[in-house]
Amino acid sequence: MSEFTLNQQAQPWREGLSVAALLAEQGWAADAVATALNGCFVPRGQRAATLIRPGDELTLIQPITGG
């Protein structure tokens, strides 16, 4: 089975899986996280067109607020 990693955790890969689709499946609001694929920032507007491939490393980064 092919896999990719999500925040350093192995996940099953499937053809046609986009960053946007994965966020929705995981229950993340689009504006709640920043995304990086293989170390490169993925802008919110490009997530639907950005496909995850086997071996990719996707990182979700939650902004920290406070003082």
N, C-alpha and C. Protein backbone atom coordinates (compact mmCIF):
# COMPACT_ATOMS: atom_id res chain seq x y z
N MET A 1 0.85 -1.18 0.00
CA MET A 1 0.00 0.00 0.00
C MET A 1 0.90 1.24 0.00
N SER A 2 0.57 2.22 -0.79
CA SER A 2 1.31 3.47 -0.85
C SER A 2 0.88 4.37 0.30
N GLU A 3 1.84 5.16 0.79
CA GLU A 3 1.56 6.04 1.92
C GLU A 3 2.17 7.42 1.70
N PHE A 4 1.69 8.38 2.46
CA PHE A 4 2.30 9.68 2.60
C PHE A 4 2.31 9.97 4.10
N THR A 5 2.96 11.03 4.52
CA THR A 5 2.94 11.35 5.94
C THR A 5 2.19 12.66 6.17
N LEU A 6 1.45 12.68 7.25
CA LEU A 6 0.72 13.86 7.70
C LEU A 6 1.23 14.15 9.10
N ASN A 7 1.94 15.26 9.25
CA ASN A 7 2.56 15.60 10.54
C ASN A 7 3.33 14.41 11.11
N GLN A 8 4.15 13.81 10.27
CA GLN A 8 5.05 12.71 10.62
C GLN A 8 4.34 11.41 10.97
N GLN A 9 3.07 11.29 10.60
CA GLN A 9 2.31 10.06 10.83
C GLN A 9 1.95 9.46 9.47
N ALA A 10 2.24 8.19 9.27
CA ALA A 10 1.93 7.53 8.01
C ALA A 10 0.43 7.49 7.77
N GLN A 11 0.04 7.80 6.54
CA GLN A 11 -1.37 7.79 6.13
C GLN A 11 -1.49 7.03 4.81
N PRO A 12 -2.60 6.31 4.61
CA PRO A 12 -2.77 5.64 3.32
C PRO A 12 -3.00 6.67 2.22
N TRP A 13 -2.34 6.47 1.10
CA TRP A 13 -2.48 7.36 -0.05
C TRP A 13 -3.52 6.79 -0.99
N ARG A 14 -4.23 7.68 -1.67
CA ARG A 14 -5.13 7.24 -2.75
C ARG A 14 -5.04 8.27 -3.88
N GLU A 15 -5.22 7.80 -5.06
CA GLU A 15 -5.10 8.65 -6.24
C GLU A 15 -6.14 9.77 -6.21
N GLY A 16 -5.71 10.97 -6.59
CA GLY A 16 -6.61 12.10 -6.69
C GLY A 16 -6.82 12.86 -5.39
N LEU A 17 -6.11 12.47 -4.32
CA LEU A 17 -6.27 13.13 -3.03
C LEU A 17 -5.56 14.49 -3.04
N SER A 18 -6.34 15.54 -2.82
CA SER A 18 -5.77 16.89 -2.77
C SER A 18 -5.57 17.32 -1.32
N VAL A 19 -4.76 18.35 -1.15
CA VAL A 19 -4.56 18.90 0.18
C VAL A 19 -5.90 19.38 0.74
N ALA A 20 -6.70 20.07 -0.07
CA ALA A 20 -7.99 20.58 0.39
C ALA A 20 -8.93 19.44 0.81
N ALA A 21 -8.98 18.37 0.03
CA ALA A 21 -9.84 17.24 0.36
C ALA A 21 -9.41 16.58 1.66
N LEU A 22 -8.11 16.44 1.85
CA LEU A 22 -7.62 15.84 3.08
C LEU A 22 -7.98 16.69 4.29
N LEU A 23 -7.80 18.00 4.18
CA LEU A 23 -8.16 18.89 5.29
C LEU A 23 -9.64 18.73 5.64
N ALA A 24 -10.49 18.69 4.63
CA ALA A 24 -11.93 18.53 4.88
C ALA A 24 -12.22 17.19 5.55
N GLU A 25 -11.59 16.12 5.08
CA GLU A 25 -11.81 14.79 5.66
C GLU A 25 -11.35 14.74 7.12
N GLN A 26 -10.29 15.47 7.42
CA GLN A 26 -9.74 15.47 8.78
C GLN A 26 -10.47 16.45 9.70
N GLY A 27 -11.40 17.24 9.13
CA GLY A 27 -12.18 18.16 9.93
C GLY A 27 -11.51 19.49 10.21
N TRP A 28 -10.51 19.85 9.42
CA TRP A 28 -9.81 21.13 9.59
C TRP A 28 -10.48 22.21 8.77
N ALA A 29 -10.72 23.35 9.36
CA ALA A 29 -11.22 24.51 8.61
C ALA A 29 -10.05 25.04 7.79
N ALA A 30 -10.34 25.46 6.57
CA ALA A 30 -9.29 25.91 5.66
C ALA A 30 -8.47 27.06 6.22
N ASP A 31 -9.10 27.90 7.02
CA ASP A 31 -8.38 29.06 7.56
C ASP A 31 -7.76 28.78 8.93
N ALA A 32 -7.85 27.54 9.41
CA ALA A 32 -7.34 27.21 10.74
C ALA A 32 -5.89 26.74 10.73
N VAL A 33 -5.37 26.37 9.57
CA VAL A 33 -4.00 25.84 9.49
C VAL A 33 -3.28 26.39 8.26
N ALA A 34 -1.98 26.42 8.36
CA ALA A 34 -1.12 26.63 7.20
C ALA A 34 -0.66 25.25 6.75
N THR A 35 -0.35 25.11 5.48
CA THR A 35 0.04 23.80 4.96
C THR A 35 1.37 23.90 4.23
N ALA A 36 2.17 22.85 4.40
CA ALA A 36 3.45 22.73 3.69
C ALA A 36 3.54 21.31 3.14
N LEU A 37 3.86 21.20 1.87
CA LEU A 37 4.01 19.90 1.23
C LEU A 37 5.48 19.76 0.84
N ASN A 38 6.11 18.75 1.41
CA ASN A 38 7.54 18.52 1.18
C ASN A 38 8.37 19.77 1.49
N GLY A 39 7.96 20.46 2.55
CA GLY A 39 8.70 21.63 3.00
C GLY A 39 8.39 22.92 2.29
N CYS A 40 7.47 22.90 1.32
CA CYS A 40 7.10 24.11 0.57
C CYS A 40 5.69 24.54 0.94
N PHE A 41 5.55 25.82 1.29
CA PHE A 41 4.25 26.38 1.66
C PHE A 41 3.25 26.19 0.52
N VAL A 42 2.03 25.76 0.87
CA VAL A 42 0.94 25.63 -0.11
C VAL A 42 -0.12 26.68 0.25
N PRO A 43 -0.26 27.74 -0.56
CA PRO A 43 -1.27 28.76 -0.27
C PRO A 43 -2.68 28.16 -0.28
N ARG A 44 -3.53 28.74 0.53
CA ARG A 44 -4.91 28.26 0.64
C ARG A 44 -5.58 28.12 -0.72
N GLY A 45 -5.37 29.07 -1.60
CA GLY A 45 -6.00 29.05 -2.92
C GLY A 45 -5.49 27.97 -3.85
N GLN A 46 -4.38 27.32 -3.50
CA GLN A 46 -3.82 26.26 -4.35
C GLN A 46 -4.04 24.86 -3.78
N ARG A 47 -4.66 24.77 -2.63
CA ARG A 47 -4.81 23.46 -1.98
C ARG A 47 -5.66 22.48 -2.78
N ALA A 48 -6.73 22.96 -3.41
CA ALA A 48 -7.61 22.06 -4.17
C ALA A 48 -6.89 21.47 -5.38
N ALA A 49 -5.98 22.22 -5.95
CA ALA A 49 -5.26 21.76 -7.14
C ALA A 49 -3.96 21.03 -6.80
N THR A 50 -3.58 21.02 -5.53
CA THR A 50 -2.33 20.39 -5.11
C THR A 50 -2.61 18.96 -4.68
N LEU A 51 -2.14 18.02 -5.49
CA LEU A 51 -2.37 16.61 -5.21
C LEU A 51 -1.25 16.04 -4.36
N ILE A 52 -1.64 15.17 -3.44
CA ILE A 52 -0.69 14.45 -2.60
C ILE A 52 -0.28 13.19 -3.33
N ARG A 53 1.01 12.91 -3.32
CA ARG A 53 1.55 11.73 -4.01
C ARG A 53 2.20 10.79 -2.99
N PRO A 54 2.37 9.53 -3.36
CA PRO A 54 3.02 8.60 -2.43
C PRO A 54 4.40 9.13 -2.03
N GLY A 55 4.71 9.02 -0.76
CA GLY A 55 5.99 9.47 -0.26
C GLY A 55 6.04 10.94 0.14
N ASP A 56 4.99 11.70 -0.19
CA ASP A 56 4.95 13.12 0.18
C ASP A 56 4.88 13.28 1.69
N GLU A 57 5.34 14.45 2.14
CA GLU A 57 5.26 14.81 3.55
C GLU A 57 4.44 16.09 3.66
N LEU A 58 3.26 15.97 4.25
CA LEU A 58 2.37 17.11 4.44
C LEU A 58 2.42 17.53 5.90
N THR A 59 2.62 18.82 6.12
CA THR A 59 2.68 19.36 7.48
C THR A 59 1.58 20.39 7.64
N LEU A 60 0.80 20.25 8.70
CA LEU A 60 -0.22 21.23 9.06
C LEU A 60 0.31 22.04 10.23
N ILE A 61 0.24 23.36 10.11
CA ILE A 61 0.78 24.23 11.14
C ILE A 61 -0.33 25.12 11.65
N GLN A 62 -0.61 25.01 12.95
CA GLN A 62 -1.63 25.85 13.57
C GLN A 62 -0.97 27.12 14.09
N PRO A 63 -1.54 28.27 13.77
CA PRO A 63 -0.98 29.51 14.31
C PRO A 63 -1.17 29.55 15.83
N ILE A 64 -0.20 30.13 16.48
CA ILE A 64 -0.27 30.29 17.93
C ILE A 64 -0.58 31.74 18.23
N THR A 65 -1.59 31.94 19.05
CA THR A 65 -1.98 33.30 19.41
C THR A 65 -1.78 33.51 20.91
N GLY A 66 -1.75 34.71 21.29
CA GLY A 66 -1.60 35.01 22.71
C GLY A 66 -0.50 36.03 22.91
N GLY A 67 -0.18 36.27 24.14
CA GLY A 67 0.80 37.30 24.38
C GLY A 67 1.80 36.95 25.42
